[in-house]
Structure formats: C-alpha cells, structure tokens
PDB file of N, CA and C in Angstrom:
ATOM      1  N   UNK A   1     -47.555  10.668 159.166  1.00  0.00           N
ATOM      2  CA  UNK A   1     -48.485  10.848 157.824  1.00  0.00           C
ATOM      3  C   UNK A   1     -49.458   9.636 157.911  1.00  0.00           C
ATOM      4  N   UNK A   2     -50.728  10.205 157.636  1.00  0.00           N
ATOM      5  CA  UNK A   2     -51.768   9.125 157.812  1.00  0.00           C
ATOM      6  C   UNK A   2     -51.743   8.326 156.244  1.00  0.00           C
ATOM      7  N   UNK A   3     -52.426   7.213 156.345  1.00  0.00           N
ATOM      8  CA  UNK A   3     -52.514   5.985 155.429  1.00  0.00           C
ATOM      9  C   UNK A   3     -52.904   6.700 154.111  1.00  0.00           C
ATOM     10  N   UNK A   4     -54.040   7.432 154.220  1.00  0.00           N
ATOM     11  CA  UNK A   4     -54.701   8.211 152.885  1.00  0.00           C
ATOM     12  C   UNK A   4     -53.648   9.008 152.215  1.00  0.00           C
ATOM     13  N   UNK A   5     -52.983   9.705 152.888  1.00  0.00           N
ATOM     14  CA  UNK A   5     -52.038  10.565 152.332  1.00  0.00           C
ATOM     15  C   UNK A   5     -50.964   9.875 151.676  1.00  0.00           C
ATOM     16  N   UNK A   6     -50.157   8.830 152.336  1.00  0.00           N
ATOM     17  CA  UNK A   6     -49.290   7.869 151.742  1.00  0.00           C
ATOM     18  C   UNK A   6     -49.848   7.250 150.605  1.00  0.00           C
ATOM     19  N   UNK A   7     -51.328   6.697 150.519  1.00  0.00           N
ATOM     20  CA  UNK A   7     -51.705   6.136 149.270  1.00  0.00           C
ATOM     21  C   UNK A   7     -51.675   7.270 148.137  1.00  0.00           C
ATOM     22  N   UNK A   8     -52.143   8.264 148.380  1.00  0.00           N
ATOM     23  CA  UNK A   8     -52.313   9.590 147.558  1.00  0.00           C
ATOM     24  C   UNK A   8     -51.038   9.723 146.774  1.00  0.00           C
ATOM     25  N   UNK A   9     -49.905   9.808 147.837  1.00  0.00           N
ATOM     26  CA  UNK A   9     -48.636  10.072 147.216  1.00  0.00           C
ATOM     27  C   UNK A   9     -48.013   8.830 146.289  1.00  0.00           C
ATOM     28  N   UNK A  10     -48.159   7.627 146.867  1.00  0.00           N
ATOM     29  CA  UNK A  10     -47.975   6.629 145.778  1.00  0.00           C
ATOM     30  C   UNK A  10     -48.681   6.532 144.560  1.00  0.00           C
ATOM     31  N   UNK A  11     -49.827   6.881 144.562  1.00  0.00           N
ATOM     32  CA  UNK A  11     -50.650   7.168 143.417  1.00  0.00           C
ATOM     33  C   UNK A  11     -50.148   8.227 142.340  1.00  0.00           C
ATOM     34  N   UNK A  12     -49.718   9.380 142.987  1.00  0.00           N
ATOM     35  CA  UNK A  12     -49.240  10.476 142.222  1.00  0.00           C
ATOM     36  C   UNK A  12     -47.814  10.055 141.570  1.00  0.00           C
ATOM     37  N   UNK A  13     -47.015   9.429 142.518  1.00  0.00           N
ATOM     38  CA  UNK A  13     -45.756   8.916 141.787  1.00  0.00           C
ATOM     39  C   UNK A  13     -45.901   7.970 140.837  1.00  0.00           C
ATOM     40  N   UNK A  14     -46.774   6.957 140.929  1.00  0.00           N
ATOM     41  CA  UNK A  14     -47.133   6.170 139.807  1.00  0.00           C
ATOM     42  C   UNK A  14     -47.455   6.963 138.615  1.00  0.00           C
ATOM     43  N   UNK A  15     -48.289   7.761 138.709  1.00  0.00           N
ATOM     44  CA  UNK A  15     -48.799   8.530 137.381  1.00  0.00           C
ATOM     45  C   UNK A  15     -47.742   9.191 136.670  1.00  0.00           C
ATOM     46  N   UNK A  16     -46.846   9.808 137.638  1.00  0.00           N
ATOM     47  CA  UNK A  16     -45.793  10.696 137.231  1.00  0.00           C
ATOM     48  C   UNK A  16     -44.828   9.706 136.582  1.00  0.00           C
ATOM     49  N   UNK A  17     -44.423   8.378 137.034  1.00  0.00           N
ATOM     50  CA  UNK A  17     -43.756   7.483 136.344  1.00  0.00           C
ATOM     51  C   UNK A  17     -44.261   6.902 134.985  1.00  0.00           C
ATOM     52  N   UNK A  18     -45.509   6.943 134.995  1.00  0.00           N
ATOM     53  CA  UNK A  18     -46.249   6.439 133.602  1.00  0.00           C
ATOM     54  C   UNK A  18     -46.104   7.625 132.704  1.00  0.00           C
ATOM     55  N   UNK A  19     -45.969   8.725 133.143  1.00  0.00           N
ATOM     56  CA  UNK A  19     -46.091  10.010 132.201  1.00  0.00           C
ATOM     57  C   UNK A  19     -44.800   9.991 131.867  1.00  0.00           C
ATOM     58  N   UNK A  20     -43.511   9.884 132.756  1.00  0.00           N
ATOM     59  CA  UNK A  20     -42.276   9.782 132.247  1.00  0.00           C
ATOM     60  C   UNK A  20     -42.079   8.822 131.131  1.00  0.00           C
ATOM     61  N   UNK A  21     -42.598   7.738 131.341  1.00  0.00           N
ATOM     62  CA  UNK A  21     -42.154   6.469 130.435  1.00  0.00           C
ATOM     63  C   UNK A  21     -42.906   6.919 128.792  1.00  0.00           C
ATOM     64  N   UNK A  22     -44.160   7.628 129.037  1.00  0.00           N
ATOM     65  CA  UNK A  22     -44.894   7.885 127.814  1.00  0.00           C
ATOM     66  C   UNK A  22     -43.881   9.124 127.051  1.00  0.00           C
ATOM     67  N   UNK A  23     -43.270   9.811 127.628  1.00  0.00           N
ATOM     68  CA  UNK A  23     -42.718  10.825 127.160  1.00  0.00           C
ATOM     69  C   UNK A  23     -41.631  10.291 126.559  1.00  0.00           C
ATOM     70  N   UNK A  24     -40.787   9.560 127.048  1.00  0.00           N
ATOM     71  CA  UNK A  24     -39.565   8.897 126.652  1.00  0.00           C
ATOM     72  C   UNK A  24     -39.773   7.986 125.526  1.00  0.00           C
ATOM     73  N   UNK A  25     -41.023   7.130 125.555  1.00  0.00           N
ATOM     74  CA  UNK A  25     -41.401   6.575 124.190  1.00  0.00           C
ATOM     75  C   UNK A  25     -41.516   7.492 123.132  1.00  0.00           C
ATOM     76  N   UNK A  26     -42.123   8.580 123.110  1.00  0.00           N
ATOM     77  CA  UNK A  26     -42.497   9.498 122.081  1.00  0.00           C
ATOM     78  C   UNK A  26     -41.389  10.089 121.527  1.00  0.00           C
ATOM     79  N   UNK A  27     -40.184  10.283 122.400  1.00  0.00           N
ATOM     80  CA  UNK A  27     -38.988  10.671 122.089  1.00  0.00           C
ATOM     81  C   UNK A  27     -38.285   9.604 121.246  1.00  0.00           C
ATOM     82  N   UNK A  28     -38.144   8.360 121.511  1.00  0.00           N
ATOM     83  CA  UNK A  28     -37.558   7.365 120.916  1.00  0.00           C
ATOM     84  C   UNK A  28     -38.261   7.458 119.473  1.00  0.00           C
ATOM     85  N   UNK A  29     -39.645   7.304 119.331  1.00  0.00           N
ATOM     86  CA  UNK A  29     -40.439   7.332 118.044  1.00  0.00           C
ATOM     87  C   UNK A  29     -39.945   8.502 117.306  1.00  0.00           C
ATOM     88  N   UNK A  30     -40.036   9.761 117.625  1.00  0.00           N
ATOM     89  CA  UNK A  30     -39.568  10.764 116.854  1.00  0.00           C
ATOM     90  C   UNK A  30     -37.992  10.764 116.394  1.00  0.00           C
ATOM     91  N   UNK A  31     -37.150  10.249 117.127  1.00  0.00           N
ATOM     92  CA  UNK A  31     -35.902   9.848 116.661  1.00  0.00           C
ATOM     93  C   UNK A  31     -35.628   9.035 115.750  1.00  0.00           C
ATOM     94  N   UNK A  32     -36.524   8.140 115.628  1.00  0.00           N
ATOM     95  CA  UNK A  32     -36.077   7.231 114.603  1.00  0.00           C
ATOM     96  C   UNK A  32     -37.355   7.224 113.343  1.00  0.00           C
ATOM     97  N   UNK A  33     -38.063   8.219 113.446  1.00  0.00           N
ATOM     98  CA  UNK A  33     -39.070   8.345 112.418  1.00  0.00           C
ATOM     99  C   UNK A  33     -38.602   8.633 111.008  1.00  0.00           C
ATOM    100  N   UNK A  34     -37.591   9.644 110.730  1.00  0.00           N
ATOM    101  CA  UNK A  34     -36.904   9.966 109.518  1.00  0.00           C
ATOM    102  C   UNK A  34     -36.311   8.731 108.950  1.00  0.00           C
ATOM    103  N   UNK A  35     -35.718   7.740 109.825  1.00  0.00           N
ATOM    104  CA  UNK A  35     -35.134   6.521 109.279  1.00  0.00           C
ATOM    105  C   UNK A  35     -36.354   5.705 108.616  1.00  0.00           C
ATOM    106  N   UNK A  36     -37.285   5.406 109.266  1.00  0.00           N
ATOM    107  CA  UNK A  36     -38.407   4.717 109.137  1.00  0.00           C
ATOM    108  C   UNK A  36     -39.056   5.214 107.677  1.00  0.00           C
ATOM    109  N   UNK A  37     -39.215   6.510 107.478  1.00  0.00           N
ATOM    110  CA  UNK A  37     -39.752   6.968 106.616  1.00  0.00           C
ATOM    111  C   UNK A  37     -38.891   6.921 105.267  1.00  0.00           C
ATOM    112  N   UNK A  38     -37.431   6.968 105.194  1.00  0.00           N
ATOM    113  CA  UNK A  38     -36.545   6.770 104.117  1.00  0.00           C
ATOM    114  C   UNK A  38     -36.804   5.166 103.715  1.00  0.00           C
ATOM    115  N   UNK A  39     -37.016   4.355 104.750  1.00  0.00           N
ATOM    116  CA  UNK A  39     -36.813   2.737 104.536  1.00  0.00           C
ATOM    117  C   UNK A  39     -38.186   2.472 103.596  1.00  0.00           C
ATOM    118  N   UNK A  40     -39.198   3.167 104.270  1.00  0.00           N
ATOM    119  CA  UNK A  40     -40.596   3.004 103.506  1.00  0.00           C
ATOM    120  C   UNK A  40     -40.514   3.436 101.980  1.00  0.00           C
ATOM    121  N   UNK A  41     -39.954   4.475 101.908  1.00  0.00           N
ATOM    122  CA  UNK A  41     -40.004   5.054 100.457  1.00  0.00           C
ATOM    123  C   UNK A  41     -39.186   4.090  99.613  1.00  0.00           C
ATOM    124  N   UNK A  42     -37.908   3.833 100.079  1.00  0.00           N
ATOM    125  CA  UNK A  42     -36.904   2.899  99.427  1.00  0.00           C
ATOM    126  C   UNK A  42     -37.541   1.387  99.054  1.00  0.00           C
ATOM    127  N   UNK A  43     -38.527   1.104  99.914  1.00  0.00           N
ATOM    128  CA  UNK A  43     -38.842  -0.113  99.846  1.00  0.00           C
ATOM    129  C   UNK A  43     -40.269  -0.195  98.828  1.00  0.00           C
ATOM    130  N   UNK A  44     -40.854   0.847  98.874  1.00  0.00           N
ATOM    131  CA  UNK A  44     -41.910   1.236  97.613  1.00  0.00           C
ATOM    132  C   UNK A  44     -41.303   1.266  96.364  1.00  0.00           C
ATOM    133  N   UNK A  45     -40.301   1.887  96.148  1.00  0.00           N
ATOM    134  CA  UNK A  45     -39.522   2.087  94.992  1.00  0.00           C
ATOM    135  C   UNK A  45     -39.218   0.695  94.431  1.00  0.00           C
ATOM    136  N   UNK A  46     -38.544   0.020  95.648  1.00  0.00           N
ATOM    137  CA  UNK A  46     -38.011  -1.536  94.947  1.00  0.00           C
ATOM    138  C   UNK A  46     -39.289  -2.296  94.625  1.00  0.00           C
ATOM    139  N   UNK A  47     -40.325  -2.182  95.253  1.00  0.00           N
ATOM    140  CA  UNK A  47     -41.327  -3.268  94.766  1.00  0.00           C
ATOM    141  C   UNK A  47     -41.946  -2.582  93.624  1.00  0.00           C
ATOM    142  N   UNK A  48     -41.981  -1.137  93.262  1.00  0.00           N
ATOM    143  CA  UNK A  48     -42.679  -0.697  92.090  1.00  0.00           C
ATOM    144  C   UNK A  48     -41.473  -1.294  90.804  1.00  0.00           C
ATOM    145  N   UNK A  49     -40.312  -1.226  91.112  1.00  0.00           N
ATOM    146  CA  UNK A  49     -39.382  -1.705  89.871  1.00  0.00           C
ATOM    147  C   UNK A  49     -39.644  -3.382  89.904  1.00  0.00           C
ATOM    148  N   UNK A  50     -39.773  -4.100  90.951  1.00  0.00           N
ATOM    149  CA  UNK A  50     -40.086  -5.596  90.713  1.00  0.00           C
ATOM    150  C   UNK A  50     -41.312  -5.761  89.991  1.00  0.00           C
ATOM    151  N   UNK A  51     -42.366  -5.184  90.384  1.00  0.00           N
ATOM    152  CA  UNK A  51     -43.571  -5.551  89.613  1.00  0.00           C
ATOM    153  C   UNK A  51     -43.507  -5.077  88.115  1.00  0.00           C
ATOM    154  N   UNK A  52     -42.810  -3.994  87.667  1.00  0.00           N
ATOM    155  CA  UNK A  52     -42.588  -3.643  86.403  1.00  0.00           C
ATOM    156  C   UNK A  52     -41.773  -4.770  85.847  1.00  0.00           C
ATOM    157  N   UNK A  53     -40.672  -5.320  86.314  1.00  0.00           N
ATOM    158  CA  UNK A  53     -40.056  -6.371  85.779  1.00  0.00           C
ATOM    159  C   UNK A  53     -40.777  -7.692  85.734  1.00  0.00           C
ATOM    160  N   UNK A  54     -41.533  -8.065  86.472  1.00  0.00           N
ATOM    161  CA  UNK A  54     -42.513  -9.240  86.586  1.00  0.00           C
ATOM    162  C   UNK A  54     -43.468  -8.963  85.305  1.00  0.00           C
ATOM    163  N   UNK A  55     -44.091  -7.841  85.355  1.00  0.00           N
ATOM    164  CA  UNK A  55     -44.974  -7.655  84.007  1.00  0.00           C
ATOM    165  C   UNK A  55     -44.314  -7.798  82.753  1.00  0.00           C
ATOM    166  N   UNK A  56     -43.265  -7.122  82.572  1.00  0.00           N
ATOM    167  CA  UNK A  56     -42.653  -7.034  81.385  1.00  0.00           C
ATOM    168  C   UNK A  56     -41.984  -8.445  80.934  1.00  0.00           C
ATOM    169  N   UNK A  57     -41.690  -9.449  81.972  1.00  0.00           N
ATOM    170  CA  UNK A  57     -40.966 -10.490  81.900  1.00  0.00           C
ATOM    171  C   UNK A  57     -42.464 -11.393  81.152  1.00  0.00           C
ATOM    172  N   UNK A  58     -43.407 -11.298  82.029  1.00  0.00           N
ATOM    173  CA  UNK A  58     -44.393 -12.182  81.190  1.00  0.00           C
ATOM    174  C   UNK A  58     -45.158 -11.701  80.028  1.00  0.00           C
ATOM    175  N   UNK A  59     -44.960 -10.344  79.844  1.00  0.00           N
ATOM    176  CA  UNK A  59     -45.567  -9.824  78.438  1.00  0.00           C
ATOM    177  C   UNK A  59     -44.411 -10.026  77.323  1.00  0.00           C
ATOM    178  N   UNK A  60     -43.410 -10.361  77.609  1.00  0.00           N
ATOM    179  CA  UNK A  60     -42.279 -10.799  76.688  1.00  0.00           C
ATOM    180  C   UNK A  60     -41.708  -9.477  76.003  1.00  0.00           C
TER     181      UNK A  60
END
C-alpha cells in the first residue's frame, strides 16, 4: 500500500472515531435530558416560593 492511501485511511478512521464520539455524547445528553428538565422546573418553583416568602416577610 502506498503512503498516500495509508494516510487517507488513517484520516477516515480518525473521522469515524470523531463521529462515533459525537453520537455517543448526544445519546448521553438525550438520556439525561428529562432529569435536567424536572430539576429545572423544581428549582424554578422553589425560587418562586422563596421570593414570595421574602417579599411577604419584608412587607409584614
């Protein structure tokens, strides 16, 4: 095999590895997305209640 063909094969292999890593990362993000959404909603509700309590505390 000549050197150019070997370089080309190495480049293709590297690109396939990058693509595989990107796909794996997207699958991981998709797997945890519902959990992050629930945590985000719960924290927004908690912050809302804390703000209401702070306002009512200062207004007496």
